[in-house]
Amino acid sequence: MGHNLIVSLPLPSVCVSSNEVIARVLLIRHGQSLWNIEERWQGRADIELSELGIQQARAAADKLGSFDIIASSHLQRALHTATIISEIHGVGPVEVDERLQETHVGPWEGLTRQQIEQQWPGYIDTRRKPEGFEPDESIVDRLTNAIRDFGKRCAGGSALIVSHSGVIRTLRHEMGASNPRLPNLGGSWFNVLGNDRVTPGDIVTLLDETSFTEAL
């Protein structure tokens, strides 16, 4: 899908049944950050985009269709990405929502995978969390509520949210969907239903050139 235009098609604005999609929300990961280069887990550390990350945001904007709302995590790597896309598409201003921020990773913040494996062997592969790591339930609750709120505000249309790979993957996992590693500017569609449920949709990759990293 990396070479295709990601078009957000309008949905019917008429009354819908409880299990019918009323809006679609696309969550994407931010562009490459300075800590992505070093493959460090960022968590809520406020790390800025690299020069490549800025270029990625501009390139991704060319692959996106129109959206009714563009929103973002308050962390600058996400907000800068969203602002670039917003300016290119003429949709804005970007709405900042702290519910969209990355997972609080506790003592893993700033560490590389190798350093984490040395101190907490086997934790990453088995999804074990150190003390101080944000529970999955907290991530699902805040992210689902945010998606639902933005979706209901653009009923019959679609919203774009720039967030972080950790929370996107956790939400898909807890919903029973596949949760592959996401490259920068990769993400997932979510559907907001008439009964307020949020369900996972397709995985999206906007840039084939983006490298995969383990860092959040």
C-alpha atoms as a PDB file:
ATOM      1  CA  MET A   1       0.000   0.000   0.000  1.00  0.00           C
ATOM      2  CA  GLY A   2       3.030   2.268   0.284  1.00  0.00           C
ATOM      3  CA  HIS A   3       2.662   3.650  -3.255  1.00  0.00           C
ATOM      4  CA  ASN A   4      -1.115   4.139  -3.174  1.00  0.00           C
ATOM      5  CA  LEU A   5      -2.973   7.287  -2.269  1.00  0.00           C
ATOM      6  CA  ILE A   6      -4.632   6.746   1.106  1.00  0.00           C
ATOM      7  CA  VAL A   7      -8.015   8.304   0.406  1.00  0.00           C
ATOM      8  CA  SER A   8     -10.505   8.879   3.207  1.00  0.00           C
ATOM      9  CA  LEU A   9     -13.847   8.259   1.515  1.00  0.00           C
ATOM     10  CA  PRO A  10     -16.944   9.946   2.998  1.00  0.00           C
ATOM     11  CA  LEU A  11     -19.462   7.765   4.787  1.00  0.00           C
ATOM     12  CA  PRO A  12     -23.252   8.122   4.645  1.00  0.00           C
ATOM     13  CA  SER A  13     -24.573  10.877   6.913  1.00  0.00           C
ATOM     14  CA  VAL A  14     -27.979   9.258   7.335  1.00  0.00           C
ATOM     15  CA  CYS A  15     -29.061   7.422  10.491  1.00  0.00           C
ATOM     16  CA  VAL A  16     -27.143   4.178  10.911  1.00  0.00           C
ATOM     17  CA  SER A  17     -27.686   0.969  12.830  1.00  0.00           C
ATOM     18  CA  SER A  18     -25.783   0.288  16.034  1.00  0.00           C
ATOM     19  CA  ASN A  19     -23.168  -1.885  14.332  1.00  0.00           C
ATOM     20  CA  GLU A  20     -22.654   0.291  11.257  1.00  0.00           C
ATOM     21  CA  VAL A  21     -19.524   2.391  10.772  1.00  0.00           C
ATOM     22  CA  ILE A  22     -20.216   6.095  11.349  1.00  0.00           C
ATOM     23  CA  ALA A  23     -16.628   7.324  10.944  1.00  0.00           C
ATOM     24  CA  ARG A  24     -13.132   6.099  10.161  1.00  0.00           C
ATOM     25  CA  VAL A  25     -10.055   7.221  12.046  1.00  0.00           C
ATOM     26  CA  LEU A  26      -6.510   6.684  10.771  1.00  0.00           C
ATOM     27  CA  LEU A  27      -3.817   6.527  13.447  1.00  0.00           C
ATOM     28  CA  ILE A  28      -0.269   6.842  12.173  1.00  0.00           C
ATOM     29  CA  ARG A  29       3.124   6.856  13.820  1.00  0.00           C
ATOM     30  CA  HIS A  30       5.219  10.023  13.736  1.00  0.00           C
ATOM     31  CA  GLY A  31       8.256  10.574  11.499  1.00  0.00           C
ATOM     32  CA  GLN A  32      11.729   9.451  12.490  1.00  0.00           C
ATOM     33  CA  SER A  33      12.955  11.062  15.718  1.00  0.00           C
ATOM     34  CA  LEU A  34      16.492  11.567  16.953  1.00  0.00           C
ATOM     35  CA  TRP A  35      16.092   8.651  19.362  1.00  0.00           C
ATOM     36  CA  ASN A  36      14.675   6.424  16.613  1.00  0.00           C
ATOM     37  CA  ILE A  37      18.078   6.792  14.958  1.00  0.00           C
ATOM     38  CA  GLU A  38      19.728   5.485  18.139  1.00  0.00           C
ATOM     39  CA  GLU A  39      16.958   2.877  18.618  1.00  0.00           C
ATOM     40  CA  ARG A  40      16.154   4.128  22.117  1.00  0.00           C
ATOM     41  CA  TRP A  41      12.785   3.607  23.744  1.00  0.00           C
ATOM     42  CA  GLN A  42      11.287   7.061  23.992  1.00  0.00           C
ATOM     43  CA  GLY A  43       8.105   6.610  25.974  1.00  0.00           C
ATOM     44  CA  ARG A  44       7.052  10.094  27.005  1.00  0.00           C
ATOM     45  CA  ALA A  45      10.458  11.691  26.533  1.00  0.00           C
ATOM     46  CA  ASP A  46       9.833  14.690  24.277  1.00  0.00           C
ATOM     47  CA  ILE A  47      12.275  13.976  21.455  1.00  0.00           C
ATOM     48  CA  GLU A  48      12.202  16.003  18.248  1.00  0.00           C
ATOM     49  CA  LEU A  49      12.095  14.822  14.648  1.00  0.00           C
ATOM     50  CA  SER A  50      15.282  14.205  12.706  1.00  0.00           C
ATOM     51  CA  GLU A  51      15.770  15.879   9.335  1.00  0.00           C
ATOM     52  CA  LEU A  52      14.723  12.598   7.723  1.00  0.00           C
ATOM     53  CA  GLY A  53      11.618  12.578   9.912  1.00  0.00           C
ATOM     54  CA  ILE A  54      10.639  16.000   8.572  1.00  0.00           C
ATOM     55  CA  GLN A  55      11.113  14.753   5.003  1.00  0.00           C
ATOM     56  CA  GLN A  56       9.049  11.651   5.796  1.00  0.00           C
ATOM     57  CA  ALA A  57       6.146  13.759   7.066  1.00  0.00           C
ATOM     58  CA  ARG A  58       6.153  15.793   3.855  1.00  0.00           C
ATOM     59  CA  ALA A  59       6.286  12.661   1.702  1.00  0.00           C
ATOM     60  CA  ALA A  60       3.491  11.020   3.689  1.00  0.00           C
ATOM     61  CA  ALA A  61       1.258  14.053   3.188  1.00  0.00           C
ATOM     62  CA  ASP A  62       1.410  13.391  -0.561  1.00  0.00           C
ATOM     63  CA  LYS A  63       0.016   9.872  -0.010  1.00  0.00           C
ATOM     64  CA  LEU A  64      -2.923  10.972   2.135  1.00  0.00           C
ATOM     65  CA  GLY A  65      -6.387  11.968   1.014  1.00  0.00           C
ATOM     66  CA  SER A  66      -8.567  14.531   2.760  1.00  0.00           C
ATOM     67  CA  PHE A  67      -9.617  14.408   6.409  1.00  0.00           C
ATOM     68  CA  ASP A  68     -12.144  16.405   8.400  1.00  0.00           C
ATOM     69  CA  ILE A  69      -9.944  16.605  11.511  1.00  0.00           C
ATOM     70  CA  ILE A  70      -6.216  16.245  12.137  1.00  0.00           C
ATOM     71  CA  ALA A  71      -5.207  15.574  15.742  1.00  0.00           C
ATOM     72  CA  SER A  72      -1.972  14.711  17.501  1.00  0.00           C
ATOM     73  CA  SER A  73      -0.238  13.688  20.664  1.00  0.00           C
ATOM     74  CA  HIS A  74       1.319  16.678  22.420  1.00  0.00           C
ATOM     75  CA  LEU A  75       4.821  15.182  22.131  1.00  0.00           C
ATOM     76  CA  GLN A  76       6.779  17.190  19.581  1.00  0.00           C
ATOM     77  CA  ARG A  77       7.771  14.294  17.325  1.00  0.00           C
ATOM     78  CA  ALA A  78       4.071  13.625  16.703  1.00  0.00           C
ATOM     79  CA  LEU A  79       2.898  17.239  16.755  1.00  0.00           C
ATOM     80  CA  HIS A  80       5.566  18.358  14.268  1.00  0.00           C
ATOM     81  CA  THR A  81       4.574  15.506  11.934  1.00  0.00           C
ATOM     82  CA  ALA A  82       0.891  16.423  12.202  1.00  0.00           C
ATOM     83  CA  THR A  83       1.594  20.120  11.674  1.00  0.00           C
ATOM     84  CA  ILE A  84       3.491  19.431   8.443  1.00  0.00           C
ATOM     85  CA  ILE A  85       0.629  17.294   7.111  1.00  0.00           C
ATOM     86  CA  SER A  86      -1.939  19.859   8.252  1.00  0.00           C
ATOM     87  CA  GLU A  87      -0.182  22.727   6.487  1.00  0.00           C
ATOM     88  CA  ILE A  88       0.189  20.790   3.236  1.00  0.00           C
ATOM     89  CA  HIS A  89      -3.485  19.759   3.234  1.00  0.00           C
ATOM     90  CA  GLY A  90      -4.862  23.030   4.546  1.00  0.00           C
ATOM     91  CA  VAL A  91      -6.726  21.311   7.382  1.00  0.00           C
ATOM     92  CA  GLY A  92      -6.303  22.681  10.849  1.00  0.00           C
ATOM     93  CA  PRO A  93      -5.263  23.806  13.245  1.00  0.00           C
ATOM     94  CA  VAL A  94      -3.998  20.489  14.594  1.00  0.00           C
ATOM     95  CA  GLU A  95      -5.951  19.453  17.672  1.00  0.00           C
ATOM     96  CA  VAL A  96      -3.657  18.379  20.509  1.00  0.00           C
ATOM     97  CA  ASP A  97      -4.891  15.661  22.863  1.00  0.00           C
ATOM     98  CA  GLU A  98      -2.748  14.162  25.635  1.00  0.00           C
ATOM     99  CA  ARG A  99      -4.717  10.914  25.456  1.00  0.00           C
ATOM    100  CA  LEU A 100      -2.802  10.232  22.234  1.00  0.00           C
ATOM    101  CA  GLN A 101       0.632  10.280  23.868  1.00  0.00           C
ATOM    102  CA  GLU A 102       2.996   7.324  23.933  1.00  0.00           C
ATOM    103  CA  THR A 103       3.073   4.635  26.597  1.00  0.00           C
ATOM    104  CA  HIS A 104       4.805   5.550  29.839  1.00  0.00           C
ATOM    105  CA  VAL A 105       7.628   2.996  29.759  1.00  0.00           C
ATOM    106  CA  GLY A 106       9.013   3.675  33.226  1.00  0.00           C
ATOM    107  CA  PRO A 107      12.659   2.641  33.689  1.00  0.00           C
ATOM    108  CA  TRP A 108      13.012   1.681  30.017  1.00  0.00           C
ATOM    109  CA  GLU A 109      12.838   5.299  28.840  1.00  0.00           C
ATOM    110  CA  GLY A 110      16.029   6.230  26.989  1.00  0.00           C
ATOM    111  CA  LEU A 111      17.367   2.662  26.878  1.00  0.00           C
ATOM    112  CA  THR A 112      18.189   0.593  23.812  1.00  0.00           C
ATOM    113  CA  ARG A 113      16.786  -2.915  23.342  1.00  0.00           C
ATOM    114  CA  GLN A 114      20.205  -4.351  24.164  1.00  0.00           C
ATOM    115  CA  GLN A 115      20.302  -2.463  27.459  1.00  0.00           C
ATOM    116  CA  ILE A 116      16.773  -3.599  28.306  1.00  0.00           C
ATOM    117  CA  GLU A 117      17.635  -7.233  27.512  1.00  0.00           C
ATOM    118  CA  GLN A 118      20.669  -7.028  29.774  1.00  0.00           C
ATOM    119  CA  GLN A 119      18.680  -5.750  32.745  1.00  0.00           C
ATOM    120  CA  TRP A 120      15.306  -7.429  32.075  1.00  0.00           C
ATOM    121  CA  PRO A 121      16.125 -10.564  30.030  1.00  0.00           C
ATOM    122  CA  GLY A 122      13.174 -11.967  28.094  1.00  0.00           C
ATOM    123  CA  TYR A 123      10.744  -9.213  29.065  1.00  0.00           C
ATOM    124  CA  ILE A 124      10.226  -7.703  25.607  1.00  0.00           C
ATOM    125  CA  ASP A 125       9.575 -10.968  23.770  1.00  0.00           C
ATOM    126  CA  THR A 126       7.096 -12.170  26.423  1.00  0.00           C
ATOM    127  CA  ARG A 127       5.369  -8.777  26.814  1.00  0.00           C
ATOM    128  CA  ARG A 128       6.332  -8.546  30.480  1.00  0.00           C
ATOM    129  CA  LYS A 129       6.517  -5.039  31.912  1.00  0.00           C
ATOM    130  CA  PRO A 130       8.810  -3.570  34.585  1.00  0.00           C
ATOM    131  CA  GLU A 131       7.405  -1.708  37.573  1.00  0.00           C
ATOM    132  CA  GLY A 132       6.283   1.768  36.525  1.00  0.00           C
ATOM    133  CA  PHE A 133       5.250   0.723  32.994  1.00  0.00           C
ATOM    134  CA  GLU A 134       1.781   1.947  32.000  1.00  0.00           C
ATOM    135  CA  PRO A 135      -0.782  -0.900  32.096  1.00  0.00           C
ATOM    136  CA  ASP A 136      -2.335  -1.985  28.806  1.00  0.00           C
ATOM    137  CA  GLU A 137      -5.800  -1.276  30.238  1.00  0.00           C
ATOM    138  CA  SER A 138      -4.899   2.390  30.692  1.00  0.00           C
ATOM    139  CA  ILE A 139      -3.656   2.665  27.103  1.00  0.00           C
ATOM    140  CA  VAL A 140      -6.757   1.004  25.668  1.00  0.00           C
ATOM    141  CA  ASP A 141      -9.092   3.180  27.737  1.00  0.00           C
ATOM    142  CA  ARG A 142      -7.586   6.548  26.845  1.00  0.00           C
ATOM    143  CA  LEU A 143      -6.904   5.773  23.194  1.00  0.00           C
ATOM    144  CA  THR A 144     -10.307   4.203  22.541  1.00  0.00           C
ATOM    145  CA  ASN A 145     -12.072   7.170  24.130  1.00  0.00           C
ATOM    146  CA  ALA A 146     -10.039   9.603  22.017  1.00  0.00           C
ATOM    147  CA  ILE A 147     -10.752   7.712  18.780  1.00  0.00           C
ATOM    148  CA  ARG A 148     -14.453   7.550  19.625  1.00  0.00           C
ATOM    149  CA  ASP A 149     -14.612  11.274  20.427  1.00  0.00           C
ATOM    150  CA  PHE A 150     -12.891  12.360  17.222  1.00  0.00           C
ATOM    151  CA  GLY A 151     -14.919   9.887  15.173  1.00  0.00           C
ATOM    152  CA  LYS A 152     -18.254  11.116  16.524  1.00  0.00           C
ATOM    153  CA  ARG A 153     -17.262  14.697  15.772  1.00  0.00           C
ATOM    154  CA  CYS A 154     -16.700  13.881  12.102  1.00  0.00           C
ATOM    155  CA  ALA A 155     -19.588  11.440  11.649  1.00  0.00           C
ATOM    156  CA  GLY A 156     -19.888  10.499   8.005  1.00  0.00           C
ATOM    157  CA  GLY A 157     -16.245  11.388   7.408  1.00  0.00           C
ATOM    158  CA  SER A 158     -12.793  10.621   8.747  1.00  0.00           C
ATOM    159  CA  ALA A 159     -10.085  11.878  11.082  1.00  0.00           C
ATOM    160  CA  LEU A 160      -6.298  11.588  11.001  1.00  0.00           C
ATOM    161  CA  ILE A 161      -4.418  11.144  14.273  1.00  0.00           C
ATOM    162  CA  VAL A 162      -0.632  11.272  14.583  1.00  0.00           C
ATOM    163  CA  SER A 163       0.406   9.206  17.578  1.00  0.00           C
ATOM    164  CA  HIS A 164       2.980   6.564  18.505  1.00  0.00           C
ATOM    165  CA  SER A 165       3.674   2.966  17.577  1.00  0.00           C
ATOM    166  CA  GLY A 166       3.544   1.619  21.134  1.00  0.00           C
ATOM    167  CA  VAL A 167      -0.030   2.669  21.808  1.00  0.00           C
ATOM    168  CA  ILE A 168      -1.268   1.785  18.318  1.00  0.00           C
ATOM    169  CA  ARG A 169       0.166  -1.723  18.568  1.00  0.00           C
ATOM    170  CA  THR A 170      -1.113  -2.226  22.118  1.00  0.00           C
ATOM    171  CA  LEU A 171      -4.629  -1.222  21.106  1.00  0.00           C
ATOM    172  CA  ARG A 172      -4.659  -3.590  18.125  1.00  0.00           C
ATOM    173  CA  HIS A 173      -3.275  -6.423  20.269  1.00  0.00           C
ATOM    174  CA  GLU A 174      -5.894  -5.935  22.974  1.00  0.00           C
ATOM    175  CA  MET A 175      -8.610  -5.873  20.282  1.00  0.00           C
ATOM    176  CA  GLY A 176      -7.419  -9.253  19.027  1.00  0.00           C
ATOM    177  CA  ALA A 177      -6.007  -7.879  15.766  1.00  0.00           C
ATOM    178  CA  SER A 178      -2.557  -8.325  14.272  1.00  0.00           C
ATOM    179  CA  ASN A 179      -0.041  -5.854  15.650  1.00  0.00           C
ATOM    180  CA  PRO A 180       3.040  -5.859  13.409  1.00  0.00           C
ATOM    181  CA  ARG A 181       5.954  -3.549  14.022  1.00  0.00           C
ATOM    182  CA  LEU A 182       5.146  -0.181  12.507  1.00  0.00           C
ATOM    183  CA  PRO A 183       7.610   1.902  10.514  1.00  0.00           C
ATOM    184  CA  ASN A 184       7.612   5.657  10.841  1.00  0.00           C
ATOM    185  CA  LEU A 185       4.415   6.925   9.167  1.00  0.00           C
ATOM    186  CA  GLY A 186       2.894   3.455   9.365  1.00  0.00           C
ATOM    187  CA  GLY A 187      -0.382   2.984  11.184  1.00  0.00           C
ATOM    188  CA  SER A 188      -3.858   1.539  11.346  1.00  0.00           C
ATOM    189  CA  TRP A 189      -7.423   2.425  10.472  1.00  0.00           C
ATOM    190  CA  PHE A 190     -10.033   2.194  13.234  1.00  0.00           C
ATOM    191  CA  ASN A 191     -13.803   2.206  12.781  1.00  0.00           C
ATOM    192  CA  VAL A 192     -16.213   4.037  15.079  1.00  0.00           C
ATOM    193  CA  LEU A 193     -19.590   2.283  15.138  1.00  0.00           C
ATOM    194  CA  GLY A 194     -23.078   3.570  15.839  1.00  0.00           C
ATOM    195  CA  ASN A 195     -23.109   1.787  19.209  1.00  0.00           C
ATOM    196  CA  ASP A 196     -19.902   3.647  20.263  1.00  0.00           C
ATOM    197  CA  ARG A 197     -17.704   0.602  19.743  1.00  0.00           C
ATOM    198  CA  VAL A 198     -14.263   1.060  18.178  1.00  0.00           C
ATOM    199  CA  THR A 199     -12.957  -1.745  15.972  1.00  0.00           C
ATOM    200  CA  PRO A 200      -9.592  -2.238  14.230  1.00  0.00           C
ATOM    201  CA  GLY A 201      -9.231  -1.859  10.467  1.00  0.00           C
ATOM    202  CA  ASP A 202      -6.443  -2.276   7.943  1.00  0.00           C
ATOM    203  CA  ILE A 203      -2.747  -1.672   8.557  1.00  0.00           C
ATOM    204  CA  VAL A 204      -1.356   1.210   6.483  1.00  0.00           C
ATOM    205  CA  THR A 205       2.238   1.872   5.397  1.00  0.00           C
ATOM    206  CA  LEU A 206       2.702   5.266   3.777  1.00  0.00           C
ATOM    207  CA  LEU A 207       6.436   5.084   3.047  1.00  0.00           C
ATOM    208  CA  ASP A 208       8.233   1.997   1.773  1.00  0.00           C
ATOM    209  CA  GLU A 209      11.579   3.676   2.400  1.00  0.00           C
ATOM    210  CA  THR A 210      11.040   3.974   6.158  1.00  0.00           C
ATOM    211  CA  SER A 211      13.200   1.694   8.267  1.00  0.00           C
ATOM    212  CA  PHE A 212      11.759  -0.376  11.090  1.00  0.00           C
ATOM    213  CA  THR A 213      13.024   0.159  14.621  1.00  0.00           C
ATOM    214  CA  GLU A 214      12.267  -1.359  17.992  1.00  0.00           C
ATOM    215  CA  ALA A 215      12.269   2.029  19.713  1.00  0.00           C
ATOM    216  CA  LEU A 216       8.900   3.414  20.765  1.00  0.00           C
END
